[in-house]
Amino acid sequence: MLQSLHEEVSMAAEKVRELSHLSLLLNEDSAFAHTSSLDFTHAVIEQMNKDFDTENSTPVAQE
């Protein structure tokens, strides 16, 4: 389950990085210091919510 969550976060972060035209997007543990203007946490969470909604809006085929 944690592996799956990590993959979801990574995919969302990559989408945010691309959409924001960034060369690099680090998690907080990878940076010594940063300003709040460089915090993309909210954007990554929003992207995860969009991805979740997209994945779960497809009707399941009934047999």
N, C-alpha and C. Protein backbone atom coordinates (compact mmCIF):
# COMPACT_ATOMS: atom_id res chain seq x y z
N MET A 1 0.82 -1.19 0.00
CA MET A 1 0.00 0.00 0.00
C MET A 1 0.87 1.26 0.00
N LEU A 2 1.93 1.28 0.82
CA LEU A 2 2.81 2.45 0.85
C LEU A 2 3.52 2.64 -0.48
N GLN A 3 3.90 1.53 -1.11
CA GLN A 3 4.55 1.61 -2.42
C GLN A 3 3.61 2.25 -3.43
N SER A 4 2.35 1.85 -3.40
CA SER A 4 1.35 2.40 -4.31
C SER A 4 1.16 3.89 -4.07
N LEU A 5 1.09 4.31 -2.81
CA LEU A 5 0.94 5.72 -2.48
C LEU A 5 2.15 6.52 -2.95
N HIS A 6 3.34 5.96 -2.73
CA HIS A 6 4.56 6.63 -3.18
C HIS A 6 4.55 6.82 -4.70
N GLU A 7 4.10 5.81 -5.42
CA GLU A 7 4.01 5.91 -6.88
C GLU A 7 3.02 6.98 -7.30
N GLU A 8 1.88 7.06 -6.61
CA GLU A 8 0.86 8.07 -6.93
C GLU A 8 1.41 9.47 -6.69
N VAL A 9 2.10 9.66 -5.58
CA VAL A 9 2.69 10.97 -5.27
C VAL A 9 3.74 11.32 -6.31
N SER A 10 4.57 10.36 -6.68
CA SER A 10 5.62 10.60 -7.67
C SER A 10 5.04 10.99 -9.03
N MET A 11 3.99 10.30 -9.45
CA MET A 11 3.37 10.62 -10.74
C MET A 11 2.74 12.01 -10.71
N ALA A 12 2.07 12.35 -9.61
CA ALA A 12 1.45 13.67 -9.49
C ALA A 12 2.52 14.75 -9.45
N ALA A 13 3.60 14.51 -8.73
CA ALA A 13 4.69 15.49 -8.64
C ALA A 13 5.32 15.71 -10.01
N GLU A 14 5.47 14.66 -10.79
CA GLU A 14 6.03 14.80 -12.14
C GLU A 14 5.11 15.64 -13.02
N LYS A 15 3.80 15.43 -12.92
CA LYS A 15 2.86 16.24 -13.70
C LYS A 15 2.94 17.70 -13.30
N VAL A 16 3.00 17.96 -11.99
CA VAL A 16 3.11 19.34 -11.50
C VAL A 16 4.41 19.97 -11.98
N ARG A 17 5.50 19.20 -11.92
CA ARG A 17 6.79 19.71 -12.38
C ARG A 17 6.72 20.13 -13.85
N GLU A 18 6.12 19.27 -14.67
CA GLU A 18 6.01 19.57 -16.10
C GLU A 18 5.11 20.78 -16.34
N LEU A 19 3.94 20.80 -15.70
CA LEU A 19 2.99 21.90 -15.90
C LEU A 19 3.53 23.23 -15.40
N SER A 20 4.40 23.18 -14.40
CA SER A 20 4.97 24.40 -13.82
C SER A 20 6.29 24.78 -14.50
N HIS A 21 6.69 24.00 -15.51
CA HIS A 21 7.93 24.25 -16.26
C HIS A 21 9.14 24.30 -15.33
N LEU A 22 9.21 23.35 -14.41
CA LEU A 22 10.33 23.26 -13.48
C LEU A 22 11.31 22.19 -13.96
N SER A 23 12.57 22.41 -13.67
CA SER A 23 13.58 21.40 -13.99
C SER A 23 13.67 20.35 -12.90
N LEU A 24 13.28 20.74 -11.69
CA LEU A 24 13.46 19.87 -10.54
C LEU A 24 12.37 20.17 -9.52
N LEU A 25 11.84 19.13 -8.89
CA LEU A 25 10.87 19.29 -7.81
C LEU A 25 11.28 18.31 -6.71
N LEU A 26 11.71 18.86 -5.57
CA LEU A 26 12.20 18.05 -4.46
C LEU A 26 11.16 17.93 -3.37
N ASN A 27 11.24 16.84 -2.61
CA ASN A 27 10.42 16.78 -1.41
C ASN A 27 11.16 17.52 -0.29
N GLU A 28 10.45 17.83 0.77
CA GLU A 28 11.02 18.65 1.85
C GLU A 28 12.26 18.00 2.47
N ASP A 29 12.29 16.70 2.55
CA ASP A 29 13.43 16.01 3.15
C ASP A 29 14.70 16.12 2.31
N SER A 30 14.56 16.49 1.05
CA SER A 30 15.72 16.57 0.15
C SER A 30 16.33 17.96 0.09
N ALA A 31 15.73 18.92 0.76
CA ALA A 31 16.22 20.30 0.72
C ALA A 31 16.65 20.73 2.13
N PHE A 32 17.74 21.46 2.20
CA PHE A 32 18.19 21.97 3.49
C PHE A 32 17.29 23.09 3.98
N ALA A 33 16.86 23.93 3.06
CA ALA A 33 15.98 25.05 3.41
C ALA A 33 15.26 25.50 2.15
N HIS A 34 14.10 26.12 2.34
CA HIS A 34 13.34 26.62 1.20
C HIS A 34 12.37 27.69 1.67
N THR A 35 11.88 28.49 0.75
CA THR A 35 10.86 29.48 1.08
C THR A 35 9.50 28.89 0.75
N SER A 36 8.48 29.44 1.36
CA SER A 36 7.13 28.92 1.14
C SER A 36 6.69 29.09 -0.31
N SER A 37 7.27 30.03 -1.03
CA SER A 37 6.89 30.21 -2.44
C SER A 37 7.34 29.04 -3.30
N LEU A 38 8.24 28.23 -2.78
CA LEU A 38 8.72 27.05 -3.52
C LEU A 38 8.03 25.77 -3.07
N ASP A 39 7.01 25.90 -2.24
CA ASP A 39 6.28 24.73 -1.74
C ASP A 39 5.15 24.39 -2.70
N PHE A 40 5.25 23.25 -3.35
CA PHE A 40 4.26 22.80 -4.33
C PHE A 40 3.38 21.68 -3.78
N THR A 41 3.38 21.51 -2.46
CA THR A 41 2.61 20.44 -1.83
C THR A 41 1.14 20.50 -2.22
N HIS A 42 0.55 21.68 -2.13
CA HIS A 42 -0.88 21.83 -2.45
C HIS A 42 -1.15 21.46 -3.91
N ALA A 43 -0.27 21.86 -4.80
CA ALA A 43 -0.44 21.55 -6.22
C ALA A 43 -0.35 20.04 -6.47
N VAL A 44 0.55 19.37 -5.77
CA VAL A 44 0.68 17.92 -5.92
C VAL A 44 -0.57 17.21 -5.40
N ILE A 45 -1.09 17.66 -4.26
CA ILE A 45 -2.31 17.07 -3.71
C ILE A 45 -3.49 17.30 -4.64
N GLU A 46 -3.60 18.50 -5.20
CA GLU A 46 -4.68 18.78 -6.16
C GLU A 46 -4.57 17.86 -7.37
N GLN A 47 -3.35 17.64 -7.86
CA GLN A 47 -3.15 16.75 -9.01
C GLN A 47 -3.53 15.32 -8.65
N MET A 48 -3.18 14.89 -7.45
CA MET A 48 -3.56 13.54 -7.01
C MET A 48 -5.08 13.41 -6.96
N ASN A 49 -5.76 14.44 -6.48
CA ASN A 49 -7.23 14.41 -6.43
C ASN A 49 -7.82 14.33 -7.83
N LYS A 50 -7.26 15.09 -8.78
CA LYS A 50 -7.73 15.04 -10.17
C LYS A 50 -7.53 13.64 -10.75
N ASP A 51 -6.34 13.09 -10.52
CA ASP A 51 -6.04 11.75 -11.04
C ASP A 51 -6.99 10.71 -10.43
N PHE A 52 -7.26 10.84 -9.14
CA PHE A 52 -8.17 9.91 -8.46
C PHE A 52 -9.57 10.01 -9.05
N ASP A 53 -10.04 11.26 -9.23
CA ASP A 53 -11.38 11.46 -9.80
C ASP A 53 -11.47 10.89 -11.21
N THR A 54 -10.43 11.09 -12.01
CA THR A 54 -10.42 10.57 -13.37
C THR A 54 -10.46 9.04 -13.37
N GLU A 55 -9.65 8.44 -12.53
CA GLU A 55 -9.60 6.97 -12.46
C GLU A 55 -10.91 6.37 -11.98
N ASN A 56 -11.61 7.08 -11.13
CA ASN A 56 -12.82 6.53 -10.52
C ASN A 56 -14.10 7.01 -11.17
N SER A 57 -14.00 7.82 -12.22
CA SER A 57 -15.20 8.29 -12.90
C SER A 57 -15.58 7.40 -14.08
N THR A 58 -14.69 6.50 -14.46
CA THR A 58 -14.96 5.59 -15.56
C THR A 58 -15.93 4.51 -15.09
N PRO A 59 -17.07 4.39 -15.76
CA PRO A 59 -18.03 3.36 -15.35
C PRO A 59 -17.43 1.96 -15.51
N VAL A 60 -17.76 1.12 -14.59
CA VAL A 60 -17.30 -0.27 -14.63
C VAL A 60 -18.25 -1.06 -15.53
N ALA A 61 -17.69 -1.79 -16.47
CA ALA A 61 -18.51 -2.59 -17.39
C ALA A 61 -19.18 -3.72 -16.62
N GLN A 62 -20.43 -3.91 -16.87
CA GLN A 62 -21.18 -4.97 -16.20
C GLN A 62 -21.28 -6.16 -17.14
N GLU A 63 -21.10 -7.33 -16.58
CA GLU A 63 -21.18 -8.54 -17.40
C GLU A 63 -22.55 -9.14 -17.35
